N, C-alpha and C. Protein backbone atom coordinates (compact mmCIF):
# COMPACT_ATOMS: atom_id res chain seq x y z
N UNK A 1 -145.69 -73.36 168.27
CA UNK A 1 -144.74 -72.85 167.30
C UNK A 1 -144.74 -71.32 167.35
N UNK A 2 -143.58 -70.74 167.48
CA UNK A 2 -143.47 -69.28 167.51
C UNK A 2 -143.21 -68.74 166.11
N UNK A 3 -143.87 -67.62 165.82
CA UNK A 3 -143.65 -66.94 164.55
C UNK A 3 -142.66 -65.82 164.78
N UNK A 4 -141.71 -65.73 163.91
CA UNK A 4 -140.73 -64.66 164.00
C UNK A 4 -141.18 -63.54 163.07
N UNK A 5 -141.37 -62.37 163.63
CA UNK A 5 -141.79 -61.23 162.84
C UNK A 5 -140.55 -60.54 162.26
N UNK A 6 -140.51 -60.49 160.95
CA UNK A 6 -139.40 -59.84 160.29
C UNK A 6 -139.75 -58.38 160.03
N UNK A 7 -138.76 -57.55 160.19
CA UNK A 7 -138.96 -56.13 159.92
C UNK A 7 -138.87 -55.88 158.42
N UNK A 8 -139.91 -55.27 157.88
CA UNK A 8 -139.90 -54.89 156.48
C UNK A 8 -139.42 -53.45 156.36
N UNK A 9 -139.10 -53.05 155.15
CA UNK A 9 -138.68 -51.67 154.92
C UNK A 9 -139.77 -50.70 155.36
N UNK A 10 -141.03 -51.03 155.08
CA UNK A 10 -142.15 -50.18 155.48
C UNK A 10 -142.27 -50.10 156.99
N UNK A 11 -142.18 -51.23 157.67
CA UNK A 11 -142.32 -51.21 159.13
C UNK A 11 -141.16 -50.45 159.78
N UNK A 12 -139.96 -50.57 159.22
CA UNK A 12 -138.83 -49.81 159.74
C UNK A 12 -139.06 -48.32 159.51
N UNK A 13 -139.55 -47.97 158.32
CA UNK A 13 -139.85 -46.57 158.02
C UNK A 13 -140.90 -46.00 158.95
N UNK A 14 -141.97 -46.76 159.17
CA UNK A 14 -143.02 -46.31 160.09
C UNK A 14 -142.49 -46.12 161.50
N UNK A 15 -141.66 -47.05 161.94
CA UNK A 15 -141.10 -46.99 163.29
C UNK A 15 -140.16 -45.79 163.44
N UNK A 16 -139.31 -45.55 162.45
CA UNK A 16 -138.38 -44.42 162.56
C UNK A 16 -139.10 -43.08 162.45
N UNK A 17 -140.16 -43.02 161.65
CA UNK A 17 -140.94 -41.79 161.57
C UNK A 17 -141.65 -41.51 162.89
N UNK A 18 -142.12 -42.55 163.55
CA UNK A 18 -142.75 -42.38 164.87
C UNK A 18 -141.72 -41.90 165.89
N UNK A 19 -140.52 -42.50 165.87
CA UNK A 19 -139.45 -42.06 166.77
C UNK A 19 -139.12 -40.59 166.52
N UNK A 20 -139.01 -40.21 165.25
CA UNK A 20 -138.69 -38.82 164.89
C UNK A 20 -139.80 -37.87 165.34
N UNK A 21 -141.06 -38.26 165.11
CA UNK A 21 -142.19 -37.41 165.50
C UNK A 21 -142.21 -37.20 167.01
N UNK A 22 -141.96 -38.26 167.77
CA UNK A 22 -141.92 -38.14 169.23
C UNK A 22 -140.77 -37.25 169.68
N UNK A 23 -139.62 -37.40 169.04
CA UNK A 23 -138.46 -36.57 169.37
C UNK A 23 -138.76 -35.09 169.10
N UNK A 24 -139.35 -34.81 167.93
CA UNK A 24 -139.67 -33.43 167.58
C UNK A 24 -140.72 -32.83 168.51
N UNK A 25 -141.66 -33.64 168.94
CA UNK A 25 -142.66 -33.17 169.89
C UNK A 25 -141.99 -32.75 171.20
N UNK A 26 -141.01 -33.53 171.64
CA UNK A 26 -140.26 -33.19 172.86
C UNK A 26 -139.47 -31.89 172.68
N UNK A 27 -139.13 -31.57 171.43
CA UNK A 27 -138.38 -30.35 171.14
C UNK A 27 -139.29 -29.14 170.94
N UNK A 28 -140.61 -29.34 171.06
CA UNK A 28 -141.54 -28.21 171.00
C UNK A 28 -142.27 -28.04 169.68
N UNK A 29 -142.13 -28.96 168.75
CA UNK A 29 -142.84 -28.87 167.48
C UNK A 29 -144.22 -29.51 167.61
N UNK A 30 -145.17 -29.01 166.85
CA UNK A 30 -146.53 -29.56 166.81
C UNK A 30 -146.73 -30.19 165.45
N UNK A 31 -147.05 -31.47 165.45
CA UNK A 31 -147.24 -32.20 164.20
C UNK A 31 -148.55 -31.79 163.53
N UNK A 32 -148.46 -31.38 162.26
CA UNK A 32 -149.65 -31.02 161.49
C UNK A 32 -150.09 -32.17 160.58
N UNK A 33 -149.13 -32.92 160.05
CA UNK A 33 -149.45 -34.03 159.15
C UNK A 33 -148.28 -34.99 159.09
N UNK A 34 -148.60 -36.24 158.79
CA UNK A 34 -147.56 -37.25 158.56
C UNK A 34 -147.85 -37.93 157.23
N UNK A 35 -146.79 -38.21 156.52
CA UNK A 35 -146.88 -38.90 155.22
C UNK A 35 -147.80 -38.18 154.25
N UNK A 36 -147.61 -36.88 154.13
CA UNK A 36 -148.40 -36.09 153.18
C UNK A 36 -147.94 -36.43 151.77
N UNK A 37 -148.87 -36.84 150.92
CA UNK A 37 -148.53 -37.24 149.56
C UNK A 37 -149.19 -36.34 148.53
N UNK A 38 -148.48 -36.12 147.47
CA UNK A 38 -149.01 -35.43 146.31
C UNK A 38 -148.39 -36.10 145.09
N UNK A 39 -148.72 -35.61 143.92
CA UNK A 39 -148.14 -36.21 142.72
C UNK A 39 -146.64 -35.96 142.63
N UNK A 40 -146.14 -35.06 143.45
CA UNK A 40 -144.71 -34.73 143.45
C UNK A 40 -143.90 -35.62 144.38
N UNK A 41 -144.56 -36.28 145.29
CA UNK A 41 -143.85 -37.13 146.22
C UNK A 41 -144.50 -37.12 147.60
N UNK A 42 -143.70 -37.40 148.61
CA UNK A 42 -144.21 -37.49 149.98
C UNK A 42 -143.31 -36.72 150.93
N UNK A 43 -143.96 -36.07 151.90
CA UNK A 43 -143.24 -35.43 153.00
C UNK A 43 -143.55 -36.25 154.24
N UNK A 44 -142.50 -36.68 154.93
CA UNK A 44 -142.68 -37.57 156.07
C UNK A 44 -143.45 -36.91 157.21
N UNK A 45 -143.03 -35.71 157.60
CA UNK A 45 -143.68 -35.01 158.71
C UNK A 45 -143.79 -33.53 158.36
N UNK A 46 -144.95 -32.96 158.61
CA UNK A 46 -145.13 -31.51 158.50
C UNK A 46 -145.50 -31.03 159.90
N UNK A 47 -144.75 -30.06 160.40
CA UNK A 47 -144.96 -29.60 161.78
C UNK A 47 -144.93 -28.08 161.82
N UNK A 48 -145.34 -27.58 162.96
CA UNK A 48 -145.29 -26.13 163.21
C UNK A 48 -144.29 -25.92 164.34
N UNK A 49 -143.39 -24.96 164.13
CA UNK A 49 -142.39 -24.61 165.14
C UNK A 49 -142.41 -23.09 165.26
N UNK A 50 -143.04 -22.59 166.30
CA UNK A 50 -143.25 -21.16 166.42
C UNK A 50 -144.20 -20.72 165.32
N UNK A 51 -143.78 -19.77 164.50
CA UNK A 51 -144.60 -19.30 163.38
C UNK A 51 -144.29 -20.03 162.07
N UNK A 52 -143.29 -20.89 162.09
CA UNK A 52 -142.84 -21.54 160.86
C UNK A 52 -143.51 -22.89 160.62
N UNK A 53 -143.75 -23.17 159.35
CA UNK A 53 -144.16 -24.51 158.93
C UNK A 53 -142.86 -25.24 158.59
N UNK A 54 -142.69 -26.43 159.15
CA UNK A 54 -141.46 -27.19 158.96
C UNK A 54 -141.78 -28.48 158.20
N UNK A 55 -141.09 -28.67 157.08
CA UNK A 55 -141.24 -29.87 156.28
C UNK A 55 -140.04 -30.76 156.59
N UNK A 56 -140.33 -31.96 157.09
CA UNK A 56 -139.26 -32.79 157.65
C UNK A 56 -139.13 -34.10 156.89
N UNK A 57 -137.91 -34.38 156.47
CA UNK A 57 -137.56 -35.65 155.84
C UNK A 57 -136.88 -36.51 156.90
N UNK A 58 -137.35 -37.73 157.07
CA UNK A 58 -136.78 -38.65 158.05
C UNK A 58 -135.97 -39.71 157.30
N UNK A 59 -134.73 -39.90 157.71
CA UNK A 59 -133.86 -40.90 157.09
C UNK A 59 -133.25 -41.79 158.16
N UNK A 60 -133.21 -43.07 157.87
CA UNK A 60 -132.63 -44.04 158.81
C UNK A 60 -131.57 -44.87 158.09
N UNK A 61 -130.46 -45.05 158.75
CA UNK A 61 -129.43 -45.97 158.29
C UNK A 61 -128.91 -46.72 159.50
N UNK A 62 -128.81 -48.00 159.33
CA UNK A 62 -128.30 -48.83 160.43
C UNK A 62 -126.80 -48.59 160.61
N UNK A 63 -126.09 -48.44 159.47
CA UNK A 63 -124.65 -48.25 159.53
C UNK A 63 -124.28 -46.92 158.87
N UNK A 64 -123.09 -46.46 159.15
CA UNK A 64 -122.64 -45.17 158.64
C UNK A 64 -121.95 -45.28 157.28
N UNK A 65 -122.04 -46.42 156.64
CA UNK A 65 -121.41 -46.61 155.33
C UNK A 65 -121.95 -45.60 154.33
N UNK A 66 -121.12 -45.18 153.42
CA UNK A 66 -121.49 -44.28 152.32
C UNK A 66 -122.04 -42.95 152.81
N UNK A 67 -121.57 -42.43 153.94
CA UNK A 67 -121.93 -41.09 154.38
C UNK A 67 -123.09 -41.02 155.35
N UNK A 68 -123.72 -42.10 155.67
CA UNK A 68 -124.81 -42.07 156.64
C UNK A 68 -126.12 -41.59 156.05
N UNK A 69 -127.08 -41.35 156.91
CA UNK A 69 -128.45 -41.04 156.50
C UNK A 69 -128.58 -39.69 155.81
N UNK A 70 -127.91 -38.68 156.30
CA UNK A 70 -128.06 -37.33 155.75
C UNK A 70 -127.56 -37.27 154.31
N UNK A 71 -126.52 -38.02 154.00
CA UNK A 71 -125.92 -37.99 152.67
C UNK A 71 -126.84 -38.59 151.59
N UNK A 72 -127.91 -39.23 151.98
CA UNK A 72 -128.79 -39.88 151.00
C UNK A 72 -129.83 -38.95 150.39
N UNK A 73 -129.88 -37.71 150.83
CA UNK A 73 -130.89 -36.77 150.31
C UNK A 73 -130.28 -36.00 149.14
N UNK A 74 -130.60 -36.46 147.95
CA UNK A 74 -130.04 -35.90 146.72
C UNK A 74 -130.71 -34.57 146.36
N UNK A 75 -130.13 -33.89 145.38
CA UNK A 75 -130.72 -32.64 144.87
C UNK A 75 -132.10 -32.89 144.29
N UNK A 76 -132.26 -34.01 143.58
CA UNK A 76 -133.58 -34.31 142.99
C UNK A 76 -134.61 -34.58 144.08
N UNK A 77 -134.20 -35.22 145.17
CA UNK A 77 -135.11 -35.45 146.30
C UNK A 77 -135.48 -34.11 146.93
N UNK A 78 -134.54 -33.20 147.06
CA UNK A 78 -134.82 -31.88 147.61
C UNK A 78 -135.83 -31.14 146.74
N UNK A 79 -135.66 -31.23 145.42
CA UNK A 79 -136.60 -30.57 144.50
C UNK A 79 -138.01 -31.14 144.66
N UNK A 80 -138.12 -32.45 144.78
CA UNK A 80 -139.43 -33.09 144.96
C UNK A 80 -140.08 -32.64 146.26
N UNK A 81 -139.28 -32.54 147.31
CA UNK A 81 -139.81 -32.09 148.60
C UNK A 81 -140.30 -30.64 148.50
N UNK A 82 -139.56 -29.80 147.80
CA UNK A 82 -139.97 -28.40 147.64
C UNK A 82 -141.28 -28.29 146.85
N UNK A 83 -141.42 -29.08 145.80
CA UNK A 83 -142.67 -29.07 145.02
C UNK A 83 -143.84 -29.58 145.85
N UNK A 84 -143.60 -30.63 146.62
CA UNK A 84 -144.64 -31.20 147.47
C UNK A 84 -145.04 -30.21 148.57
N UNK A 85 -144.06 -29.49 149.12
CA UNK A 85 -144.34 -28.48 150.14
C UNK A 85 -145.17 -27.35 149.56
N UNK A 86 -144.84 -26.93 148.37
CA UNK A 86 -145.61 -25.88 147.69
C UNK A 86 -147.06 -26.32 147.50
N UNK A 87 -147.24 -27.57 147.11
CA UNK A 87 -148.59 -28.12 146.94
C UNK A 87 -149.34 -28.14 148.28
N UNK A 88 -148.64 -28.54 149.36
CA UNK A 88 -149.26 -28.55 150.69
C UNK A 88 -149.73 -27.15 151.07
N UNK A 89 -148.89 -26.16 150.86
CA UNK A 89 -149.24 -24.78 151.22
C UNK A 89 -150.46 -24.30 150.42
N UNK A 90 -150.54 -24.67 149.16
CA UNK A 90 -151.70 -24.32 148.35
C UNK A 90 -152.96 -24.99 148.89
N UNK A 91 -152.84 -26.27 149.24
CA UNK A 91 -153.98 -26.99 149.79
C UNK A 91 -154.45 -26.39 151.11
N UNK A 92 -153.49 -25.90 151.90
CA UNK A 92 -153.81 -25.29 153.19
C UNK A 92 -154.21 -23.83 153.05
N UNK A 93 -154.26 -23.34 151.82
CA UNK A 93 -154.61 -21.96 151.50
C UNK A 93 -153.67 -20.97 152.19
N UNK A 94 -152.39 -21.31 152.14
CA UNK A 94 -151.34 -20.44 152.67
C UNK A 94 -150.51 -19.91 151.51
N UNK A 95 -150.10 -18.68 151.60
CA UNK A 95 -149.27 -18.08 150.57
C UNK A 95 -147.83 -18.52 150.80
N UNK A 96 -147.27 -19.23 149.84
CA UNK A 96 -145.93 -19.78 150.05
C UNK A 96 -144.85 -18.70 150.13
N UNK A 97 -145.13 -17.50 149.64
CA UNK A 97 -144.14 -16.42 149.68
C UNK A 97 -144.19 -15.64 150.99
N UNK A 98 -145.32 -15.71 151.70
CA UNK A 98 -145.47 -14.97 152.96
C UNK A 98 -145.51 -15.88 154.18
N UNK A 99 -145.46 -17.17 153.98
CA UNK A 99 -145.51 -18.12 155.09
C UNK A 99 -144.08 -18.57 155.41
N UNK A 100 -143.61 -18.32 156.63
CA UNK A 100 -142.26 -18.77 156.97
C UNK A 100 -142.20 -20.31 156.98
N UNK A 101 -141.28 -20.85 156.20
CA UNK A 101 -141.13 -22.30 156.08
C UNK A 101 -139.65 -22.66 156.13
N UNK A 102 -139.41 -23.91 156.44
CA UNK A 102 -138.04 -24.43 156.34
C UNK A 102 -138.10 -25.94 156.12
N UNK A 103 -136.99 -26.48 155.67
CA UNK A 103 -136.87 -27.92 155.44
C UNK A 103 -135.83 -28.47 156.40
N UNK A 104 -136.25 -29.42 157.21
CA UNK A 104 -135.36 -30.05 158.17
C UNK A 104 -135.18 -31.52 157.81
N UNK A 105 -134.12 -32.10 158.35
CA UNK A 105 -133.88 -33.53 158.21
C UNK A 105 -133.68 -34.10 159.61
N UNK A 106 -134.35 -35.21 159.88
CA UNK A 106 -134.09 -35.96 161.10
C UNK A 106 -133.44 -37.27 160.66
N UNK A 107 -132.19 -37.45 161.05
CA UNK A 107 -131.43 -38.63 160.68
C UNK A 107 -131.32 -39.55 161.89
N UNK A 108 -131.69 -40.80 161.68
CA UNK A 108 -131.57 -41.80 162.73
C UNK A 108 -130.54 -42.82 162.26
N UNK A 109 -129.56 -43.10 163.10
CA UNK A 109 -128.49 -44.02 162.74
C UNK A 109 -128.20 -44.95 163.91
N UNK A 110 -127.94 -46.21 163.56
CA UNK A 110 -127.62 -47.20 164.57
C UNK A 110 -128.72 -48.23 164.68
N UNK A 111 -128.72 -49.00 165.76
CA UNK A 111 -129.73 -50.06 165.91
C UNK A 111 -131.14 -49.46 166.00
N UNK A 112 -132.10 -50.10 165.36
CA UNK A 112 -133.47 -49.60 165.31
C UNK A 112 -134.09 -49.48 166.69
N UNK A 113 -133.63 -50.28 167.63
CA UNK A 113 -134.19 -50.25 168.99
C UNK A 113 -133.83 -48.97 169.72
N UNK A 114 -132.66 -48.41 169.42
CA UNK A 114 -132.22 -47.19 170.09
C UNK A 114 -131.22 -46.43 169.20
N UNK A 115 -131.74 -45.80 168.14
CA UNK A 115 -130.83 -45.10 167.23
C UNK A 115 -130.39 -43.75 167.77
N UNK A 116 -129.28 -43.26 167.23
CA UNK A 116 -128.84 -41.90 167.51
C UNK A 116 -129.66 -40.98 166.61
N UNK A 117 -130.18 -39.90 167.18
CA UNK A 117 -131.02 -38.98 166.42
C UNK A 117 -130.30 -37.66 166.23
N UNK A 118 -130.21 -37.23 164.97
CA UNK A 118 -129.62 -35.95 164.63
C UNK A 118 -130.68 -35.11 163.93
N UNK A 119 -130.94 -33.92 164.44
CA UNK A 119 -131.94 -33.03 163.85
C UNK A 119 -131.19 -31.89 163.17
N UNK A 120 -131.28 -31.84 161.86
CA UNK A 120 -130.61 -30.82 161.08
C UNK A 120 -131.64 -29.80 160.62
N UNK A 121 -131.61 -28.62 161.26
CA UNK A 121 -132.57 -27.55 160.90
C UNK A 121 -132.07 -26.82 159.66
N UNK A 122 -133.03 -26.33 158.85
CA UNK A 122 -132.70 -25.61 157.62
C UNK A 122 -131.68 -26.39 156.78
N UNK A 123 -132.00 -27.64 156.55
CA UNK A 123 -131.07 -28.53 155.86
C UNK A 123 -130.81 -28.11 154.42
N UNK A 124 -131.83 -27.55 153.78
CA UNK A 124 -131.66 -27.08 152.39
C UNK A 124 -132.69 -26.04 152.07
């Protein structure tokens, strides 16, 4: 008897974050942390690109309905990411006012086996 493995939301999220991390590595970024959590929320990927610390939100949508993956990042989500990034910088003993940082979005759309990847630098 064969067991059919169903994809859960968590497994899809893990898979898309891995795809995004591999893509960013090919683009020259160095991964510092994945799934960094604080009481403010979670940052999917934290990387270094040149002298900048990059906080990356990964979004996946199978279909382009309702604006696609990028459209799902609300103002409240952006605020949570900014608070979480500030907490990360404090934990890393970095001055958030003197450390070059940016927030990027990696949007994956289409079939999970081979999605289209869009990297939006300085998204907000």
